[in-house]
Amino acid sequence: MTNVEFSILLMAMALASYGCRVAGFLAMRFVTITPRIEAALRATPLSVMAGIVAVAAMRGGPAEWIASASVVVLMKLTGQDVLSALAGVAIVALMRWAGL
């Protein structure tokens, strides 16, 4: 894949993502938010992240496995999902830099 093809693909994905956000925002104007819908909306980002991490962990090696376990532990200890995810990325980067 060339840089031009990658740039086009990246822009297409960004536009699709933005379009989904706008469509969701407009559609939610007409939906009554019940506790059940609110719970589903709150769970969606975590489920998307879990799906991405599951694929990376299955295809990855020890670096990804250790980072995934570390993220789970950090989430339990701190309750900070973004901080835990960034720590997991840093752990994978450090382990790859170390040659593991």
Protein backbone atom coordinates (compact mmCIF):
# COMPACT_ATOMS: atom_id res chain seq x y z
CA MET A 1 0.00 0.00 0.00
CA THR A 2 1.44 3.34 -0.99
CA ASN A 3 1.30 6.54 1.06
CA VAL A 4 -1.33 7.97 -1.28
CA GLU A 5 -3.54 4.89 -0.97
CA PHE A 6 -3.13 4.93 2.81
CA SER A 7 -4.04 8.63 2.96
CA ILE A 8 -7.17 8.07 0.89
CA LEU A 9 -8.17 5.11 3.05
CA LEU A 10 -7.57 7.10 6.23
CA MET A 11 -9.69 10.00 4.99
CA ALA A 12 -12.48 7.63 3.95
CA MET A 13 -12.51 6.01 7.39
CA ALA A 14 -12.46 9.42 9.11
CA LEU A 15 -15.40 10.63 7.00
CA ALA A 16 -17.34 7.42 7.67
CA SER A 17 -16.70 7.76 11.40
CA TYR A 18 -17.79 11.39 11.41
CA GLY A 19 -20.87 10.52 9.37
CA CYS A 20 -21.87 7.85 11.88
CA ARG A 21 -21.47 10.29 14.76
CA VAL A 22 -23.58 12.96 13.04
CA ALA A 23 -26.26 10.45 12.05
CA GLY A 24 -26.37 9.09 15.60
CA PHE A 25 -26.62 12.57 17.06
CA LEU A 26 -29.48 13.48 14.72
CA ALA A 27 -31.29 10.17 15.24
CA MET A 28 -31.10 10.44 19.04
CA ARG A 29 -33.19 13.62 18.90
CA PHE A 30 -36.20 11.42 18.25
CA VAL A 31 -35.48 8.70 20.82
CA THR A 32 -36.62 8.82 24.41
CA ILE A 33 -33.66 7.93 26.61
CA THR A 34 -34.74 5.18 28.97
CA PRO A 35 -32.41 3.68 31.59
CA ARG A 36 -31.92 0.67 29.35
CA ILE A 37 -30.89 2.78 26.33
CA GLU A 38 -28.61 4.88 28.53
CA ALA A 39 -26.88 1.73 29.82
CA ALA A 40 -26.40 0.48 26.26
CA LEU A 41 -24.92 3.82 25.16
CA ARG A 42 -22.53 3.84 28.11
CA ALA A 43 -21.35 0.28 27.35
CA THR A 44 -20.73 0.83 23.62
CA PRO A 45 -17.23 2.43 23.79
CA LEU A 46 -15.94 -0.27 26.11
CA SER A 47 -17.30 -3.04 23.93
CA VAL A 48 -15.70 -1.53 20.81
CA MET A 49 -12.36 -1.22 22.62
CA ALA A 50 -12.65 -4.80 23.89
CA GLY A 51 -13.24 -6.04 20.34
CA ILE A 52 -10.16 -4.24 19.04
CA VAL A 53 -7.99 -5.46 21.91
CA ALA A 54 -9.22 -9.05 21.58
CA VAL A 55 -8.09 -9.22 17.95
CA ALA A 56 -4.70 -7.66 18.80
CA ALA A 57 -4.20 -10.04 21.72
CA MET A 58 -5.11 -13.11 19.65
CA ARG A 59 -2.76 -12.16 16.82
CA GLY A 60 -0.06 -10.74 19.07
CA GLY A 61 2.55 -12.29 21.24
CA PRO A 62 3.80 -11.93 24.81
CA ALA A 63 4.04 -8.12 24.57
CA GLU A 64 0.35 -7.80 23.76
CA TRP A 65 -0.67 -10.38 26.35
CA ILE A 66 1.27 -8.71 29.14
CA ALA A 67 -0.01 -5.27 28.12
CA SER A 68 -3.61 -6.53 28.05
CA ALA A 69 -3.27 -8.01 31.53
CA SER A 70 -1.66 -4.79 32.74
CA VAL A 71 -4.53 -2.73 31.37
CA VAL A 72 -7.06 -4.89 33.21
CA VAL A 73 -5.14 -4.53 36.48
CA LEU A 74 -4.71 -0.76 36.03
CA MET A 75 -8.42 -0.37 35.24
CA LYS A 76 -9.33 -2.16 38.46
CA LEU A 77 -6.85 -0.13 40.54
CA THR A 78 -7.40 3.35 39.09
CA GLY A 79 -10.76 3.27 37.33
CA GLN A 80 -9.18 5.36 34.55
CA ASP A 81 -9.86 3.69 31.21
CA VAL A 82 -7.93 6.13 29.01
CA LEU A 83 -4.93 6.18 31.34
CA SER A 84 -4.92 2.38 31.44
CA ALA A 85 -5.13 2.12 27.64
CA LEU A 86 -2.24 4.56 27.21
CA ALA A 87 -0.20 2.57 29.73
CA GLY A 88 -0.92 -0.59 27.72
CA VAL A 89 0.32 1.08 24.53
CA ALA A 90 3.46 2.21 26.35
CA ILE A 91 4.05 -1.30 27.69
CA VAL A 92 3.80 -2.83 24.20
CA ALA A 93 6.13 -0.16 22.80
CA LEU A 94 8.70 -0.71 25.54
CA MET A 95 8.58 -4.48 25.20
CA ARG A 96 9.01 -4.28 21.42
CA TRP A 97 11.86 -1.80 21.86
CA ALA A 98 13.47 -4.27 24.26
CA GLY A 99 13.14 -6.99 21.63
CA LEU A 100 10.48 -9.09 23.31
